[in-house]
Amino acid sequence: MKNIIYQIAEGVVVDKRPDTVGKQGDTDTLVSNVTDIINAVIGVLGLVCVVVMIIGGVNYMISSGDAGKVKKAKDTILYGLIGLVVCVLAFALVNWVIGSILGQ
């Protein structure tokens, strides 16, 4: 499996400078770039979850005791927390899979 991924990665070389073409670093550069992009996307999604939780907290504070608004605010905080947990687990899982398959 590892060899198949390396062969695919060698066909899609990101760094085409003359001094680096055909070297083993090309595959490492591709893997590093893909990992960085995935981690950045997961990081942005985690930030969105935190913002959702903050909005839920503000809505909770300004609900002025209305049961419907309080429930909606608590649900918003809960959904933001669930999203944040999913982002953290996705980050850990992606990095573990990439590290175990490609041996980095």
Protein backbone atom coordinates (compact mmCIF):
# COMPACT_ATOMS: atom_id res chain seq x y z
CA MET A 1 0.00 0.00 0.00
CA LYS A 2 2.83 2.35 0.90
CA ASN A 3 4.54 1.76 -2.46
CA ILE A 4 1.33 2.42 -4.38
CA ILE A 5 0.85 5.75 -2.63
CA TYR A 6 4.46 6.72 -3.33
CA GLN A 7 4.05 5.83 -7.01
CA ILE A 8 0.91 7.94 -7.24
CA ALA A 9 2.63 10.79 -5.42
CA GLU A 10 5.62 10.64 -7.75
CA GLY A 11 3.27 11.17 -10.69
CA VAL A 12 1.86 14.32 -9.09
CA VAL A 13 5.03 16.16 -8.14
CA VAL A 14 4.44 19.60 -6.68
CA ASP A 15 8.02 20.91 -6.74
CA LYS A 16 9.24 21.03 -10.39
CA ARG A 17 12.49 22.98 -9.88
CA PRO A 18 15.32 21.49 -11.96
CA ASP A 19 17.50 20.77 -8.93
CA THR A 20 14.79 18.73 -7.16
CA VAL A 21 13.08 16.77 -9.95
CA GLY A 22 13.44 13.03 -9.52
CA LYS A 23 14.64 13.12 -5.93
CA GLN A 24 12.93 11.40 -3.01
CA GLY A 25 12.09 14.79 -1.47
CA ASP A 26 9.35 15.30 -4.08
CA THR A 27 7.08 12.74 -2.45
CA ASP A 28 7.81 14.14 0.99
CA THR A 29 6.98 17.63 -0.27
CA LEU A 30 3.65 16.44 -1.68
CA VAL A 31 2.73 14.62 1.52
CA SER A 32 3.75 17.64 3.57
CA ASN A 33 1.69 19.99 1.41
CA VAL A 34 -1.40 17.78 1.54
CA THR A 35 -1.08 17.37 5.30
CA ASP A 36 -0.68 21.12 5.77
CA ILE A 37 -3.77 21.85 3.65
CA ILE A 38 -5.91 19.31 5.51
CA ASN A 39 -4.72 20.60 8.88
CA ALA A 40 -5.45 24.20 7.85
CA VAL A 41 -9.00 23.31 6.76
CA ILE A 42 -9.64 21.44 10.01
CA GLY A 43 -8.20 24.39 11.94
CA VAL A 44 -10.56 26.83 10.20
CA LEU A 45 -13.51 24.54 10.94
CA GLY A 46 -12.45 24.40 14.59
CA LEU A 47 -12.37 28.19 14.67
CA VAL A 48 -15.89 28.29 13.21
CA CYS A 49 -17.05 25.93 15.98
CA VAL A 50 -15.58 28.21 18.63
CA VAL A 51 -17.34 31.21 17.07
CA VAL A 52 -20.64 29.28 17.09
CA MET A 53 -20.15 28.52 20.79
CA ILE A 54 -19.45 32.20 21.50
CA ILE A 55 -22.60 33.22 19.62
CA GLY A 56 -24.57 30.66 21.62
CA GLY A 57 -23.14 32.07 24.85
CA VAL A 58 -24.07 35.62 23.88
CA ASN A 59 -27.57 34.49 22.95
CA TYR A 60 -27.82 32.71 26.31
CA MET A 61 -26.87 35.89 28.15
CA ILE A 62 -29.35 38.07 26.28
CA SER A 63 -32.22 35.56 26.39
CA SER A 64 -33.61 37.31 29.49
CA GLY A 65 -35.07 34.11 30.88
CA ASP A 66 -37.25 33.23 27.87
CA ALA A 67 -37.39 29.43 27.87
CA GLY A 68 -37.41 29.13 24.08
CA LYS A 69 -34.40 31.41 23.62
CA VAL A 70 -32.51 29.67 26.42
CA LYS A 71 -33.08 26.25 24.84
CA LYS A 72 -32.00 27.54 21.42
CA ALA A 73 -28.85 29.10 22.91
CA LYS A 74 -27.97 25.91 24.82
CA ASP A 75 -28.48 23.87 21.65
CA THR A 76 -26.20 26.25 19.74
CA ILE A 77 -23.48 25.86 22.37
CA LEU A 78 -23.91 22.07 22.31
CA TYR A 79 -23.70 21.91 18.51
CA GLY A 80 -20.58 24.06 18.54
CA LEU A 81 -19.00 21.78 21.14
CA ILE A 82 -19.88 18.66 19.16
CA GLY A 83 -18.38 20.26 16.04
CA LEU A 84 -15.21 21.13 17.93
CA VAL A 85 -14.85 17.56 19.20
CA VAL A 86 -15.34 16.24 15.66
CA CYS A 87 -12.66 18.64 14.37
CA VAL A 88 -10.17 17.55 17.03
CA LEU A 89 -10.84 13.88 16.32
CA ALA A 90 -10.58 14.47 12.55
CA PHE A 91 -7.25 16.25 13.05
CA ALA A 92 -5.89 13.38 15.14
CA LEU A 93 -7.23 10.71 12.79
CA VAL A 94 -5.92 12.33 9.60
CA ASN A 95 -2.45 12.84 11.04
CA TRP A 96 -2.37 9.31 12.44
CA VAL A 97 -3.46 7.75 9.14
CA ILE A 98 -1.02 9.78 7.06
CA GLY A 99 1.78 9.03 9.51
CA SER A 100 1.07 5.32 9.66
CA ILE A 101 0.56 4.79 5.93
CA LEU A 102 3.50 6.86 4.76
CA GLY A 103 5.70 6.16 7.76
CA GLN A 104 6.44 9.75 8.74
